C-alpha atoms as a PDB file:
ATOM      1  CA  UNK A   1      -9.358  94.320 354.239  1.00  0.00           C
ATOM      2  CA  UNK A   2      -5.926  94.932 352.670  1.00  0.00           C
ATOM      3  CA  UNK A   3      -3.517  96.871 354.904  1.00  0.00           C
ATOM      4  CA  UNK A   4      -0.210  98.501 353.827  1.00  0.00           C
ATOM      5  CA  UNK A   5       2.580 100.500 355.314  1.00  0.00           C
ATOM      6  CA  UNK A   6       3.884 103.263 353.083  1.00  0.00           C
ATOM      7  CA  UNK A   7       5.995 106.361 352.925  1.00  0.00           C
ATOM      8  CA  UNK A   8       4.801 109.306 350.935  1.00  0.00           C
ATOM      9  CA  UNK A   9       7.054 111.723 349.207  1.00  0.00           C
ATOM     10  CA  UNK A  10       6.294 114.486 351.652  1.00  0.00           C
ATOM     11  CA  UNK A  11       7.270 112.503 354.734  1.00  0.00           C
ATOM     12  CA  UNK A  12       9.955 110.181 356.086  1.00  0.00           C
ATOM     13  CA  UNK A  13       7.486 108.733 358.653  1.00  0.00           C
ATOM     14  CA  UNK A  14       5.620 105.498 357.796  1.00  0.00           C
ATOM     15  CA  UNK A  15       1.845 105.552 357.591  1.00  0.00           C
ATOM     16  CA  UNK A  16      -0.728 102.737 357.698  1.00  0.00           C
ATOM     17  CA  UNK A  17      -3.231 102.645 354.846  1.00  0.00           C
ATOM     18  CA  UNK A  18      -6.048 100.540 353.407  1.00  0.00           C
ATOM     19  CA  UNK A  19      -5.985  99.545 349.718  1.00  0.00           C
ATOM     20  CA  UNK A  20      -9.356 100.373 348.113  1.00  0.00           C
ATOM     21  CA  UNK A  21     -10.889  98.473 345.261  1.00  0.00           C
ATOM     22  CA  UNK A  22      -9.095 100.670 342.723  1.00  0.00           C
ATOM     23  CA  UNK A  23      -5.728  99.757 344.250  1.00  0.00           C
ATOM     24  CA  UNK A  24      -5.258 103.249 345.714  1.00  0.00           C
ATOM     25  CA  UNK A  25      -4.379 103.835 349.381  1.00  0.00           C
ATOM     26  CA  UNK A  26      -6.669 105.426 351.959  1.00  0.00           C
ATOM     27  CA  UNK A  27      -4.324 107.250 354.377  1.00  0.00           C
ATOM     28  CA  UNK A  28      -5.875 106.180 357.686  1.00  0.00           C
ATOM     29  CA  UNK A  29      -4.434 109.010 359.757  1.00  0.00           C
ATOM     30  CA  UNK A  30      -5.566 111.657 357.260  1.00  0.00           C
ATOM     31  CA  UNK A  31      -8.997 110.118 356.844  1.00  0.00           C
ATOM     32  CA  UNK A  32      -9.535 109.976 360.602  1.00  0.00           C
ATOM     33  CA  UNK A  33      -8.462 113.579 360.984  1.00  0.00           C
ATOM     34  CA  UNK A  34     -10.986 114.686 358.284  1.00  0.00           C
ATOM     35  CA  UNK A  35     -13.720 112.833 360.175  1.00  0.00           C
ATOM     36  CA  UNK A  36     -12.624 114.144 363.561  1.00  0.00           C
ATOM     37  CA  UNK A  37     -12.253 110.535 364.693  1.00  0.00           C
ATOM     38  CA  UNK A  38      -9.894 109.266 367.415  1.00  0.00           C
ATOM     39  CA  UNK A  39      -8.241 105.980 366.414  1.00  0.00           C
ATOM     40  CA  UNK A  40      -7.581 103.234 369.031  1.00  0.00           C
ATOM     41  CA  UNK A  41      -4.113 102.616 367.575  1.00  0.00           C
ATOM     42  CA  UNK A  42      -1.057 104.451 366.298  1.00  0.00           C
ATOM     43  CA  UNK A  43      -1.674 105.044 362.609  1.00  0.00           C
ATOM     44  CA  UNK A  44       2.066 104.923 361.847  1.00  0.00           C
ATOM     45  CA  UNK A  45       2.513 101.454 363.343  1.00  0.00           C
ATOM     46  CA  UNK A  46       0.974  98.258 361.895  1.00  0.00           C
ATOM     47  CA  UNK A  47       1.741  96.220 365.045  1.00  0.00           C
ATOM     48  CA  UNK A  48      -0.151  98.745 367.174  1.00  0.00           C
ATOM     49  CA  UNK A  49      -3.162  98.381 364.817  1.00  0.00           C
ATOM     50  CA  UNK A  50      -2.938  94.543 364.991  1.00  0.00           C
ATOM     51  CA  UNK A  51      -2.680  94.638 368.759  1.00  0.00           C
ATOM     52  CA  UNK A  52      -5.858  96.776 368.985  1.00  0.00           C
ATOM     53  CA  UNK A  53      -7.804  93.809 367.533  1.00  0.00           C
ATOM     54  CA  UNK A  54     -11.508  94.166 366.757  1.00  0.00           C
ATOM     55  CA  UNK A  55     -11.553  97.830 367.930  1.00  0.00           C
ATOM     56  CA  UNK A  56      -8.997  98.695 365.223  1.00  0.00           C
ATOM     57  CA  UNK A  57     -10.852  96.798 362.490  1.00  0.00           C
ATOM     58  CA  UNK A  58     -14.114  98.464 363.486  1.00  0.00           C
ATOM     59  CA  UNK A  59     -12.423 101.882 363.300  1.00  0.00           C
ATOM     60  CA  UNK A  60     -11.001 101.087 359.883  1.00  0.00           C
ATOM     61  CA  UNK A  61     -14.401 100.066 358.556  1.00  0.00           C
ATOM     62  CA  UNK A  62     -15.861 103.309 359.881  1.00  0.00           C
ATOM     63  CA  UNK A  63     -13.103 105.444 358.393  1.00  0.00           C
ATOM     64  CA  UNK A  64     -13.184 103.769 355.014  1.00  0.00           C
ATOM     65  CA  UNK A  65     -16.994 103.857 354.784  1.00  0.00           C
ATOM     66  CA  UNK A  66     -16.688 107.521 353.882  1.00  0.00           C
ATOM     67  CA  UNK A  67     -15.171 107.845 350.404  1.00  0.00           C
ATOM     68  CA  UNK A  68     -11.790 109.516 350.576  1.00  0.00           C
ATOM     69  CA  UNK A  69     -11.700 112.753 348.618  1.00  0.00           C
ATOM     70  CA  UNK A  70      -8.041 112.121 347.733  1.00  0.00           C
ATOM     71  CA  UNK A  71      -6.906 108.486 347.893  1.00  0.00           C
ATOM     72  CA  UNK A  72      -3.127 108.144 347.440  1.00  0.00           C
ATOM     73  CA  UNK A  73      -2.050 106.366 344.216  1.00  0.00           C
ATOM     74  CA  UNK A  74       0.015 103.397 345.074  1.00  0.00           C
ATOM     75  CA  UNK A  75       2.512 104.390 342.358  1.00  0.00           C
ATOM     76  CA  UNK A  76       3.138 107.739 344.110  1.00  0.00           C
ATOM     77  CA  UNK A  77       4.454 106.210 347.335  1.00  0.00           C
ATOM     78  CA  UNK A  78       7.047 103.714 348.524  1.00  0.00           C
ATOM     79  CA  UNK A  79       5.460 100.575 349.977  1.00  0.00           C
ATOM     80  CA  UNK A  80       7.333  99.190 352.883  1.00  0.00           C
ATOM     81  CA  UNK A  81       6.974  95.728 354.354  1.00  0.00           C
ATOM     82  CA  UNK A  82       3.569  95.759 356.097  1.00  0.00           C
ATOM     83  CA  UNK A  83       5.498  95.305 359.356  1.00  0.00           C
ATOM     84  CA  UNK A  84       8.746  97.059 358.450  1.00  0.00           C
ATOM     85  CA  UNK A  85      10.591  95.868 361.546  1.00  0.00           C
ATOM     86  CA  UNK A  86       8.906  93.004 363.435  1.00  0.00           C
ATOM     87  CA  UNK A  87       9.415  93.077 367.174  1.00  0.00           C
ATOM     88  CA  UNK A  88      10.799  89.555 367.030  1.00  0.00           C
ATOM     89  CA  UNK A  89      12.614  87.511 364.466  1.00  0.00           C
ATOM     90  CA  UNK A  90      10.357  86.164 361.699  1.00  0.00           C
ATOM     91  CA  UNK A  91       9.439  82.513 362.602  1.00  0.00           C
ATOM     92  CA  UNK A  92       9.982  80.065 359.735  1.00  0.00           C
ATOM     93  CA  UNK A  93       9.232  76.481 358.889  1.00  0.00           C
ATOM     94  CA  UNK A  94      12.146  74.436 357.538  1.00  0.00           C
ATOM     95  CA  UNK A  95      10.024  72.609 354.991  1.00  0.00           C
ATOM     96  CA  UNK A  96       6.268  72.133 354.720  1.00  0.00           C
ATOM     97  CA  UNK A  97       5.491  70.704 351.221  1.00  0.00           C
ATOM     98  CA  UNK A  98       6.111  67.039 350.510  1.00  0.00           C
ATOM     99  CA  UNK A  99       7.535  67.695 347.023  1.00  0.00           C
ATOM    100  CA  UNK A 100      10.017  70.169 348.476  1.00  0.00           C
ATOM    101  CA  UNK A 101      11.225  67.662 351.028  1.00  0.00           C
ATOM    102  CA  UNK A 102      11.593  65.043 348.307  1.00  0.00           C
ATOM    103  CA  UNK A 103      13.607  67.408 345.980  1.00  0.00           C
ATOM    104  CA  UNK A 104      15.910  68.285 348.832  1.00  0.00           C
ATOM    105  CA  UNK A 105      16.284  64.631 349.763  1.00  0.00           C
ATOM    106  CA  UNK A 106      17.276  63.835 346.141  1.00  0.00           C
ATOM    107  CA  UNK A 107      20.177  66.240 346.554  1.00  0.00           C
ATOM    108  CA  UNK A 108      21.189  65.130 350.099  1.00  0.00           C
ATOM    109  CA  UNK A 109      20.613  61.352 349.523  1.00  0.00           C
ATOM    110  CA  UNK A 110      20.543  60.770 353.220  1.00  0.00           C
ATOM    111  CA  UNK A 111      17.464  58.598 353.345  1.00  0.00           C
ATOM    112  CA  UNK A 112      15.813  60.849 355.935  1.00  0.00           C
ATOM    113  CA  UNK A 113      12.309  59.856 357.002  1.00  0.00           C
ATOM    114  CA  UNK A 114       9.414  62.379 356.818  1.00  0.00           C
ATOM    115  CA  UNK A 115       9.391  64.317 360.119  1.00  0.00           C
ATOM    116  CA  UNK A 116       6.623  63.895 362.624  1.00  0.00           C
ATOM    117  CA  UNK A 117       6.870  67.511 363.758  1.00  0.00           C
ATOM    118  CA  UNK A 118       7.631  70.810 361.918  1.00  0.00           C
ATOM    119  CA  UNK A 119      11.112  72.243 362.039  1.00  0.00           C
ATOM    120  CA  UNK A 120      11.280  75.855 363.076  1.00  0.00           C
ATOM    121  CA  UNK A 121      14.005  78.459 362.598  1.00  0.00           C
ATOM    122  CA  UNK A 122      14.029  82.230 362.321  1.00  0.00           C
ATOM    123  CA  UNK A 123      15.148  85.172 360.227  1.00  0.00           C
ATOM    124  CA  UNK A 124      16.577  88.297 361.837  1.00  0.00           C
ATOM    125  CA  UNK A 125      14.360  91.382 361.768  1.00  0.00           C
ATOM    126  CA  UNK A 126      17.112  93.191 359.788  1.00  0.00           C
ATOM    127  CA  UNK A 127      16.474  90.795 356.891  1.00  0.00           C
ATOM    128  CA  UNK A 128      13.051  92.287 356.276  1.00  0.00           C
ATOM    129  CA  UNK A 129      12.655  94.606 353.236  1.00  0.00           C
ATOM    130  CA  UNK A 130       9.725  95.923 351.236  1.00  0.00           C
ATOM    131  CA  UNK A 131       7.876  94.307 348.342  1.00  0.00           C
ATOM    132  CA  UNK A 132       9.889  96.149 345.624  1.00  0.00           C
ATOM    133  CA  UNK A 133      13.121  96.781 347.404  1.00  0.00           C
ATOM    134  CA  UNK A 134      16.427  95.301 345.983  1.00  0.00           C
ATOM    135  CA  UNK A 135      17.899  92.042 347.430  1.00  0.00           C
ATOM    136  CA  UNK A 136      21.599  92.779 348.152  1.00  0.00           C
ATOM    137  CA  UNK A 137      24.135  90.470 346.537  1.00  0.00           C
ATOM    138  CA  UNK A 138      27.588  90.571 348.087  1.00  0.00           C
ATOM    139  CA  UNK A 139      29.841  87.919 346.589  1.00  0.00           C
ATOM    140  CA  UNK A 140      32.214  88.187 349.542  1.00  0.00           C
ATOM    141  CA  UNK A 141      29.369  86.850 351.773  1.00  0.00           C
ATOM    142  CA  UNK A 142      27.423  84.439 349.603  1.00  0.00           C
ATOM    143  CA  UNK A 143      27.370  83.383 345.900  1.00  0.00           C
ATOM    144  CA  UNK A 144      24.371  81.004 346.265  1.00  0.00           C
ATOM    145  CA  UNK A 145      21.248  83.062 347.035  1.00  0.00           C
ATOM    146  CA  UNK A 146      18.097  81.014 346.461  1.00  0.00           C
ATOM    147  CA  UNK A 147      14.413  81.925 346.268  1.00  0.00           C
ATOM    148  CA  UNK A 148      11.621  80.494 348.435  1.00  0.00           C
ATOM    149  CA  UNK A 149       8.061  81.744 348.075  1.00  0.00           C
ATOM    150  CA  UNK A 150       6.089  81.422 351.307  1.00  0.00           C
ATOM    151  CA  UNK A 151       2.788  82.291 352.792  1.00  0.00           C
ATOM    152  CA  UNK A 152       3.269  84.538 355.807  1.00  0.00           C
ATOM    153  CA  UNK A 153       0.849  84.286 358.724  1.00  0.00           C
ATOM    154  CA  UNK A 154       0.447  87.340 360.950  1.00  0.00           C
ATOM    155  CA  UNK A 155      -0.533  86.611 364.554  1.00  0.00           C
ATOM    156  CA  UNK A 156      -3.256  88.839 365.905  1.00  0.00           C
ATOM    157  CA  UNK A 157      -3.701  87.810 369.573  1.00  0.00           C
ATOM    158  CA  UNK A 158      -1.430  86.856 372.442  1.00  0.00           C
ATOM    159  CA  UNK A 159      -1.418  83.073 373.022  1.00  0.00           C
ATOM    160  CA  UNK A 160       0.545  80.167 374.434  1.00  0.00           C
ATOM    161  CA  UNK A 161      -0.099  76.461 374.232  1.00  0.00           C
ATOM    162  CA  UNK A 162      -2.720  77.193 371.652  1.00  0.00           C
ATOM    163  CA  UNK A 163      -5.041  74.202 370.805  1.00  0.00           C
ATOM    164  CA  UNK A 164      -4.994  73.224 367.177  1.00  0.00           C
ATOM    165  CA  UNK A 165      -8.784  73.508 367.017  1.00  0.00           C
ATOM    166  CA  UNK A 166      -8.558  77.175 368.183  1.00  0.00           C
ATOM    167  CA  UNK A 167      -5.419  78.248 366.230  1.00  0.00           C
ATOM    168  CA  UNK A 168      -7.061  80.100 363.372  1.00  0.00           C
ATOM    169  CA  UNK A 169      -8.630  82.467 365.912  1.00  0.00           C
ATOM    170  CA  UNK A 170      -5.183  83.796 366.587  1.00  0.00           C
ATOM    171  CA  UNK A 171      -4.538  84.704 362.935  1.00  0.00           C
ATOM    172  CA  UNK A 172      -4.877  88.364 361.994  1.00  0.00           C
ATOM    173  CA  UNK A 173      -4.070  87.967 358.316  1.00  0.00           C
ATOM    174  CA  UNK A 174      -1.720  86.853 355.580  1.00  0.00           C
ATOM    175  CA  UNK A 175       1.171  88.270 353.586  1.00  0.00           C
ATOM    176  CA  UNK A 176       3.762  87.171 350.972  1.00  0.00           C
ATOM    177  CA  UNK A 177       7.306  86.330 352.000  1.00  0.00           C
ATOM    178  CA  UNK A 178      10.356  85.362 349.947  1.00  0.00           C
ATOM    179  CA  UNK A 179      12.630  83.397 352.309  1.00  0.00           C
ATOM    180  CA  UNK A 180      15.808  84.198 350.360  1.00  0.00           C
ATOM    181  CA  UNK A 181      18.435  81.688 351.505  1.00  0.00           C
ATOM    182  CA  UNK A 182      22.232  81.690 351.262  1.00  0.00           C
ATOM    183  CA  UNK A 183      22.737  78.026 350.581  1.00  0.00           C
ATOM    184  CA  UNK A 184      26.589  78.145 350.875  1.00  0.00           C
ATOM    185  CA  UNK A 185      26.280  79.702 354.376  1.00  0.00           C
ATOM    186  CA  UNK A 186      23.679  77.107 355.414  1.00  0.00           C
ATOM    187  CA  UNK A 187      26.157  74.330 354.463  1.00  0.00           C
ATOM    188  CA  UNK A 188      29.132  76.080 356.052  1.00  0.00           C
ATOM    189  CA  UNK A 189      27.456  76.252 359.420  1.00  0.00           C
ATOM    190  CA  UNK A 190      26.710  72.574 359.564  1.00  0.00           C
ATOM    191  CA  UNK A 191      22.999  72.699 358.852  1.00  0.00           C
ATOM    192  CA  UNK A 192      22.320  75.436 361.367  1.00  0.00           C
ATOM    193  CA  UNK A 193      20.135  77.862 359.356  1.00  0.00           C
ATOM    194  CA  UNK A 194      20.015  81.205 361.246  1.00  0.00           C
ATOM    195  CA  UNK A 195      23.017  82.860 359.560  1.00  0.00           C
ATOM    196  CA  UNK A 196      22.223  81.617 356.050  1.00  0.00           C
ATOM    197  CA  UNK A 197      18.668  82.863 356.416  1.00  0.00           C
ATOM    198  CA  UNK A 198      19.305  86.186 358.029  1.00  0.00           C
ATOM    199  CA  UNK A 199      21.459  88.268 355.729  1.00  0.00           C
ATOM    200  CA  UNK A 200      20.315  91.845 355.361  1.00  0.00           C
ATOM    201  CA  UNK A 201      17.659  92.154 352.734  1.00  0.00           C
ATOM    202  CA  UNK A 202      16.798  88.485 352.479  1.00  0.00           C
ATOM    203  CA  UNK A 203      13.191  88.648 353.655  1.00  0.00           C
ATOM    204  CA  UNK A 204      11.079  90.578 351.158  1.00  0.00           C
ATOM    205  CA  UNK A 205       7.596  90.918 352.607  1.00  0.00           C
ATOM    206  CA  UNK A 206       4.258  92.394 351.416  1.00  0.00           C
ATOM    207  CA  UNK A 207       2.821  94.023 349.477  1.00  0.00           C
ATOM    208  CA  UNK A 208      -0.008  94.041 352.105  1.00  0.00           C
ATOM    209  CA  UNK A 209      -1.600  92.097 354.908  1.00  0.00           C
ATOM    210  CA  UNK A 210      -4.962  90.637 353.893  1.00  0.00           C
ATOM    211  CA  UNK A 211      -7.148  90.092 356.961  1.00  0.00           C
ATOM    212  CA  UNK A 212      -8.160  86.525 357.734  1.00  0.00           C
ATOM    213  CA  UNK A 213     -11.860  87.029 356.979  1.00  0.00           C
ATOM    214  CA  UNK A 214     -11.093  87.650 353.312  1.00  0.00           C
ATOM    215  CA  UNK A 215      -8.965  84.547 352.519  1.00  0.00           C
ATOM    216  CA  UNK A 216      -8.656  80.793 352.962  1.00  0.00           C
ATOM    217  CA  UNK A 217      -5.011  80.595 353.716  1.00  0.00           C
ATOM    218  CA  UNK A 218      -5.111  76.839 353.211  1.00  0.00           C
ATOM    219  CA  UNK A 219      -5.889  77.049 349.482  1.00  0.00           C
ATOM    220  CA  UNK A 220      -3.868  79.741 347.701  1.00  0.00           C
ATOM    221  CA  UNK A 221      -1.729  79.491 344.581  1.00  0.00           C
ATOM    222  CA  UNK A 222       1.953  80.216 345.250  1.00  0.00           C
ATOM    223  CA  UNK A 223       4.369  81.093 342.413  1.00  0.00           C
ATOM    224  CA  UNK A 224       7.912  82.377 341.894  1.00  0.00           C
ATOM    225  CA  UNK A 225       9.282  83.765 338.627  1.00  0.00           C
ATOM    226  CA  UNK A 226      12.914  84.705 337.999  1.00  0.00           C
ATOM    227  CA  UNK A 227      13.366  86.991 334.979  1.00  0.00           C
ATOM    228  CA  UNK A 228       9.867  86.003 333.906  1.00  0.00           C
ATOM    229  CA  UNK A 229      10.471  82.262 333.997  1.00  0.00           C
ATOM    230  CA  UNK A 230       8.317  80.265 336.374  1.00  0.00           C
ATOM    231  CA  UNK A 231      10.311  78.376 339.001  1.00  0.00           C
ATOM    232  CA  UNK A 232       7.693  77.545 341.642  1.00  0.00           C
ATOM    233  CA  UNK A 233       4.012  76.908 341.076  1.00  0.00           C
ATOM    234  CA  UNK A 234       2.004  75.157 343.730  1.00  0.00           C
ATOM    235  CA  UNK A 235      -0.721  75.762 346.348  1.00  0.00           C
ATOM    236  CA  UNK A 236      -0.892  76.068 350.078  1.00  0.00           C
ATOM    237  CA  UNK A 237      -3.336  73.193 349.887  1.00  0.00           C
ATOM    238  CA  UNK A 238      -0.310  70.990 349.498  1.00  0.00           C
ATOM    239  CA  UNK A 239       1.189  71.889 352.857  1.00  0.00           C
ATOM    240  CA  UNK A 240       2.304  68.863 354.843  1.00  0.00           C
ATOM    241  CA  UNK A 241       1.602  70.523 358.241  1.00  0.00           C
ATOM    242  CA  UNK A 242      -1.584  72.608 358.253  1.00  0.00           C
ATOM    243  CA  UNK A 243      -1.654  76.210 359.429  1.00  0.00           C
ATOM    244  CA  UNK A 244      -3.463  75.233 362.686  1.00  0.00           C
ATOM    245  CA  UNK A 245      -0.866  72.540 363.356  1.00  0.00           C
ATOM    246  CA  UNK A 246       2.028  74.955 362.784  1.00  0.00           C
ATOM    247  CA  UNK A 247       0.552  77.600 365.141  1.00  0.00           C
ATOM    248  CA  UNK A 248      -0.220  74.987 367.814  1.00  0.00           C
ATOM    249  CA  UNK A 249       3.289  73.541 367.742  1.00  0.00           C
ATOM    250  CA  UNK A 250       5.050  76.932 367.580  1.00  0.00           C
ATOM    251  CA  UNK A 251       3.072  78.194 370.592  1.00  0.00           C
ATOM    252  CA  UNK A 252       3.775  75.154 372.700  1.00  0.00           C
ATOM    253  CA  UNK A 253       5.553  76.607 375.769  1.00  0.00           C
ATOM    254  CA  UNK A 254       6.266  79.833 373.837  1.00  0.00           C
ATOM    255  CA  UNK A 255       4.109  82.970 373.845  1.00  0.00           C
ATOM    256  CA  UNK A 256       2.978  84.332 370.485  1.00  0.00           C
ATOM    257  CA  UNK A 257       2.121  88.023 370.375  1.00  0.00           C
ATOM    258  CA  UNK A 258       0.295  90.386 368.018  1.00  0.00           C
ATOM    259  CA  UNK A 259       2.465  91.187 365.056  1.00  0.00           C
ATOM    260  CA  UNK A 260       4.492  87.998 365.162  1.00  0.00           C
ATOM    261  CA  UNK A 261       5.056  86.622 361.660  1.00  0.00           C
ATOM    262  CA  UNK A 262       5.229  82.954 360.721  1.00  0.00           C
ATOM    263  CA  UNK A 263       6.568  82.003 357.283  1.00  0.00           C
ATOM    264  CA  UNK A 264       5.020  78.619 356.542  1.00  0.00           C
ATOM    265  CA  UNK A 265       7.472  76.890 354.214  1.00  0.00           C
ATOM    266  CA  UNK A 266       8.092  76.787 350.472  1.00  0.00           C
ATOM    267  CA  UNK A 267       6.964  74.389 347.779  1.00  0.00           C
ATOM    268  CA  UNK A 268       9.157  72.593 345.246  1.00  0.00           C
ATOM    269  CA  UNK A 269      11.114  74.440 342.606  1.00  0.00           C
ATOM    270  CA  UNK A 270      13.913  76.054 344.617  1.00  0.00           C
ATOM    271  CA  UNK A 271      17.240  76.674 342.919  1.00  0.00           C
ATOM    272  CA  UNK A 272      19.605  74.457 344.793  1.00  0.00           C
ATOM    273  CA  UNK A 273      17.636  71.319 343.921  1.00  0.00           C
ATOM    274  CA  UNK A 274      17.577  71.955 340.181  1.00  0.00           C
ATOM    275  CA  UNK A 275      19.813  70.206 337.688  1.00  0.00           C
ATOM    276  CA  UNK A 276      22.124  71.968 337.324  1.00  0.00           C
ATOM    277  CA  UNK A 277      21.630  74.144 340.474  1.00  0.00           C
ATOM    278  CA  UNK A 278      20.451  77.679 339.878  1.00  0.00           C
ATOM    279  CA  UNK A 279      21.121  80.693 342.066  1.00  0.00           C
ATOM    280  CA  UNK A 280      20.343  84.439 341.883  1.00  0.00           C
ATOM    281  CA  UNK A 281      22.824  86.810 340.333  1.00  0.00           C
ATOM    282  CA  UNK A 282      22.982  90.612 340.097  1.00  0.00           C
ATOM    283  CA  UNK A 283      20.489  91.909 337.572  1.00  0.00           C
ATOM    284  CA  UNK A 284      17.947  89.122 338.135  1.00  0.00           C
ATOM    285  CA  UNK A 285      14.412  90.044 339.043  1.00  0.00           C
ATOM    286  CA  UNK A 286      12.468  87.838 341.415  1.00  0.00           C
ATOM    287  CA  UNK A 287       8.688  87.906 341.458  1.00  0.00           C
ATOM    288  CA  UNK A 288       7.000  86.108 344.358  1.00  0.00           C
ATOM    289  CA  UNK A 289       3.213  85.926 344.178  1.00  0.00           C
ATOM    290  CA  UNK A 290       0.368  84.403 346.251  1.00  0.00           C
ATOM    291  CA  UNK A 291      -3.175  84.393 344.974  1.00  0.00           C
ATOM    292  CA  UNK A 292      -5.389  86.894 346.691  1.00  0.00           C
ATOM    293  CA  UNK A 293      -2.575  88.755 348.427  1.00  0.00           C
ATOM    294  CA  UNK A 294      -0.293  90.206 345.768  1.00  0.00           C
ATOM    295  CA  UNK A 295       3.165  90.319 344.196  1.00  0.00           C
ATOM    296  CA  UNK A 296       6.681  91.024 345.412  1.00  0.00           C
ATOM    297  CA  UNK A 297       8.974  92.209 342.706  1.00  0.00           C
ATOM    298  CA  UNK A 298      12.657  92.400 343.912  1.00  0.00           C
ATOM    299  CA  UNK A 299      15.664  93.075 341.700  1.00  0.00           C
ATOM    300  CA  UNK A 300      18.972  91.497 342.781  1.00  0.00           C
ATOM    301  CA  UNK A 301      21.559  94.271 343.276  1.00  0.00           C
ATOM    302  CA  UNK A 302      25.327  93.888 343.599  1.00  0.00           C
ATOM    303  CA  UNK A 303      26.782  95.668 346.632  1.00  0.00           C
ATOM    304  CA  UNK A 304      30.356  96.577 347.524  1.00  0.00           C
END
């Protein structure tokens, strides 16, 4: 099942929808109303849906089993991030592809050994934007915005100290994230990443959440294009730390909750490690795509 959060022209309130096979949206609240069905979640809130678990998925299957007389064309609405404002910061992995570590090491020349444990940081919830929203570029703040295509894992159940063998049972689904990074701010703050990763508009997310039953998150093609030129092209099969390992380590002594989002690291091909380095500038268009989930297409927009 492919779930979206959208705003229609006739409303300022978000709605949760299901993408049908034609790529149109079944408005869940409207469909349930037509069928006189009471939903076990708030149809304007994706986290409410996720927290309702199997009851929500059963209700969605029931609602969508009846063909909608008027599905909403995707082009007629504004797609938001599937979780427009997460209840916590987005959890992120510092690096998780061997080639990406090696390209960064070539720039740093520090001789660092491969880590035995994943490195975690976070992005502020105010960084999250929709799949087609502009990425702000403010030269007074940063002149070195970089792209990072990443698989986003959406947690579906509350858990703490999750065993690696059980970790995938806590996954609700997957989404696409571009972990846009202000490299100059990262360096300025002595390697502490929160600020350089949390500027407003630097976490494009979407276009949907694909439920776990429909995808193998450990074997998906990941690509980034800037102005049509491919910059990253890899697969989640090349992750250094597996998804179960990441979830187990993140949950060690820390409670994960429905709607939490984990961005699982980026493959090689980022801008700062290129020769010469490349960074985003106003007018650029960044396309971030993961097989089986979809495409983010974000223009870079200069702001005052």
